[in-house]
Structure formats: structure tokens, C-alpha cells
Amino acid sequence: MEVERHNKTPLEIERSIPGALPARARNNIGWAIRDARLAQVDDLRAMTDGQIMTSVRSAGRTQGIGRITLARIRDFFPVNA
């Protein structure tokens, strides 16, 4: 999934992520946006669980998030019906 680069500052990225999400999920979403694996936070609604688990990860990591963190993300960003 290729996304366009953006010119958002880290502060703007952090403000677009819900504060009630666990820190690990917020950080990983922020890194995914900075590394252009994700264009904006709302794109999570259109992604499958598998795409989220591999795309949303910390910088320099090859392993994505786990099922628990995915469940927390899906609480805030359910799949678009």
C-alpha cells in the first residue's frame, strides 16, 4: 500500500491520533504516518486487520502490532461498512 508523502509535523500527527488509545498504539500509528505507510489516521478504517498488523509498527521494526493492540485500534477505528 503506497501512500503520498505529507508535510505534517510530529505535533500535528500526534494531535490527529485519539489520546485515549494506549501509548503503544499511538506511537506505532505516528511512526506509520511519518514513514509514509499510512497517509492519515482515518485510513485505518479502510484497511483490513492484516494490513494494519503489518503497516502499523515502530520505526526500524519488521514485526507489526499484535492482536491486543489491533483490538484497541479497532475500538476507535472500526471497519467502514
C-alpha atoms as a PDB file:
ATOM      1  CA  MET A   1       0.000   0.000   0.000  1.00  0.00           C
ATOM      2  CA  GLU A   2       1.785   3.101  -1.235  1.00  0.00           C
ATOM      3  CA  VAL A   3       0.764   6.464   0.172  1.00  0.00           C
ATOM      4  CA  GLU A   4       1.700  10.032  -0.674  1.00  0.00           C
ATOM      5  CA  ARG A   5       4.270  11.900   1.401  1.00  0.00           C
ATOM      6  CA  HIS A   6       2.988  14.669   3.622  1.00  0.00           C
ATOM      7  CA  ASN A   7       4.436  17.715   5.307  1.00  0.00           C
ATOM      8  CA  LYS A   8       2.887  17.250   8.719  1.00  0.00           C
ATOM      9  CA  THR A   9       4.950  17.959  11.780  1.00  0.00           C
ATOM     10  CA  PRO A  10       5.177  15.314  14.506  1.00  0.00           C
ATOM     11  CA  LEU A  11       2.951  17.514  16.682  1.00  0.00           C
ATOM     12  CA  GLU A  12       0.222  17.611  14.002  1.00  0.00           C
ATOM     13  CA  ILE A  13       0.439  13.845  13.661  1.00  0.00           C
ATOM     14  CA  GLU A  14       0.111  13.331  17.411  1.00  0.00           C
ATOM     15  CA  ARG A  15      -2.919  15.635  17.553  1.00  0.00           C
ATOM     16  CA  SER A  16      -4.747  13.568  14.934  1.00  0.00           C
ATOM     17  CA  ILE A  17      -4.431  10.362  16.996  1.00  0.00           C
ATOM     18  CA  PRO A  18      -7.043   9.861  19.747  1.00  0.00           C
ATOM     19  CA  GLY A  19      -5.495  10.398  23.177  1.00  0.00           C
ATOM     20  CA  ALA A  20      -7.498   7.566  24.719  1.00  0.00           C
ATOM     21  CA  LEU A  21      -5.609   4.979  22.640  1.00  0.00           C
ATOM     22  CA  PRO A  22      -2.856   3.126  24.536  1.00  0.00           C
ATOM     23  CA  ALA A  23       0.609   4.681  24.168  1.00  0.00           C
ATOM     24  CA  ARG A  24       1.945   1.769  22.112  1.00  0.00           C
ATOM     25  CA  ALA A  25      -0.852   2.130  19.554  1.00  0.00           C
ATOM     26  CA  ARG A  26      -0.460   5.939  19.391  1.00  0.00           C
ATOM     27  CA  ASN A  27       3.297   5.672  18.911  1.00  0.00           C
ATOM     28  CA  ASN A  28       3.063   2.981  16.245  1.00  0.00           C
ATOM     29  CA  ILE A  29       0.404   4.910  14.302  1.00  0.00           C
ATOM     30  CA  GLY A  30       2.600   8.006  14.496  1.00  0.00           C
ATOM     31  CA  TRP A  31       5.592   6.094  13.114  1.00  0.00           C
ATOM     32  CA  ALA A  32       3.472   4.625  10.310  1.00  0.00           C
ATOM     33  CA  ILE A  33       2.414   8.135   9.276  1.00  0.00           C
ATOM     34  CA  ARG A  34       5.965   9.508   9.482  1.00  0.00           C
ATOM     35  CA  ASP A  35       7.316   6.605   7.414  1.00  0.00           C
ATOM     36  CA  ALA A  36       4.532   7.039   4.795  1.00  0.00           C
ATOM     37  CA  ARG A  37       2.989   3.621   5.416  1.00  0.00           C
ATOM     38  CA  LEU A  38      -0.198   5.485   6.351  1.00  0.00           C
ATOM     39  CA  ALA A  39      -1.368   8.834   4.909  1.00  0.00           C
ATOM     40  CA  GLN A  40      -3.748   9.810   7.699  1.00  0.00           C
ATOM     41  CA  VAL A  41      -5.264   8.277  10.793  1.00  0.00           C
ATOM     42  CA  ASP A  42      -8.714   7.824   9.229  1.00  0.00           C
ATOM     43  CA  ASP A  43      -7.208   5.475   6.605  1.00  0.00           C
ATOM     44  CA  LEU A  44      -7.232   2.800   9.328  1.00  0.00           C
ATOM     45  CA  ARG A  45     -10.987   2.398   8.782  1.00  0.00           C
ATOM     46  CA  ALA A  46     -10.454   1.259   5.186  1.00  0.00           C
ATOM     47  CA  MET A  47      -7.633  -1.186   5.992  1.00  0.00           C
ATOM     48  CA  THR A  48      -8.045  -4.867   6.759  1.00  0.00           C
ATOM     49  CA  ASP A  49      -6.814  -6.269  10.066  1.00  0.00           C
ATOM     50  CA  GLY A  50      -3.855  -7.881   8.286  1.00  0.00           C
ATOM     51  CA  GLN A  51      -2.842  -4.606   6.656  1.00  0.00           C
ATOM     52  CA  ILE A  52      -2.980  -2.795   9.979  1.00  0.00           C
ATOM     53  CA  MET A  53      -0.975  -5.501  11.746  1.00  0.00           C
ATOM     54  CA  THR A  54       1.861  -5.211   9.206  1.00  0.00           C
ATOM     55  CA  SER A  55       1.749  -1.479   8.377  1.00  0.00           C
ATOM     56  CA  VAL A  56       1.388  -0.049  11.876  1.00  0.00           C
ATOM     57  CA  ARG A  57       4.736  -0.747  13.522  1.00  0.00           C
ATOM     58  CA  SER A  58       7.579   1.105  15.167  1.00  0.00           C
ATOM     59  CA  ALA A  59      10.412   2.586  13.170  1.00  0.00           C
ATOM     60  CA  GLY A  60      13.030   0.041  12.136  1.00  0.00           C
ATOM     61  CA  ARG A  61      10.863  -2.926  13.111  1.00  0.00           C
ATOM     62  CA  THR A  62       9.849  -5.680  10.743  1.00  0.00           C
ATOM     63  CA  GLN A  63       7.253  -7.186  13.056  1.00  0.00           C
ATOM     64  CA  GLY A  64       3.893  -5.433  13.194  1.00  0.00           C
ATOM     65  CA  ILE A  65       1.491  -4.968  16.079  1.00  0.00           C
ATOM     66  CA  GLY A  66      -0.238  -7.815  17.865  1.00  0.00           C
ATOM     67  CA  ARG A  67      -3.875  -8.750  18.258  1.00  0.00           C
ATOM     68  CA  ILE A  68      -4.358  -6.874  21.529  1.00  0.00           C
ATOM     69  CA  THR A  69      -3.069  -3.587  20.115  1.00  0.00           C
ATOM     70  CA  LEU A  70      -5.117  -4.203  16.961  1.00  0.00           C
ATOM     71  CA  ALA A  71      -8.241  -4.648  19.086  1.00  0.00           C
ATOM     72  CA  ARG A  72      -7.571  -1.306  20.818  1.00  0.00           C
ATOM     73  CA  ILE A  73      -7.139   0.408  17.437  1.00  0.00           C
ATOM     74  CA  ARG A  74     -10.359  -1.173  16.122  1.00  0.00           C
ATOM     75  CA  ASP A  75     -12.224   0.212  19.151  1.00  0.00           C
ATOM     76  CA  PHE A  76     -11.516   3.703  17.798  1.00  0.00           C
ATOM     77  CA  PHE A  77     -11.343   2.945  14.066  1.00  0.00           C
ATOM     78  CA  PRO A  78     -13.915   0.257  13.179  1.00  0.00           C
ATOM     79  CA  VAL A  79     -14.051  -1.116   9.638  1.00  0.00           C
ATOM     80  CA  ASN A  80     -16.129   1.003   7.262  1.00  0.00           C
ATOM     81  CA  ALA A  81     -19.303  -0.866   6.373  1.00  0.00           C
END
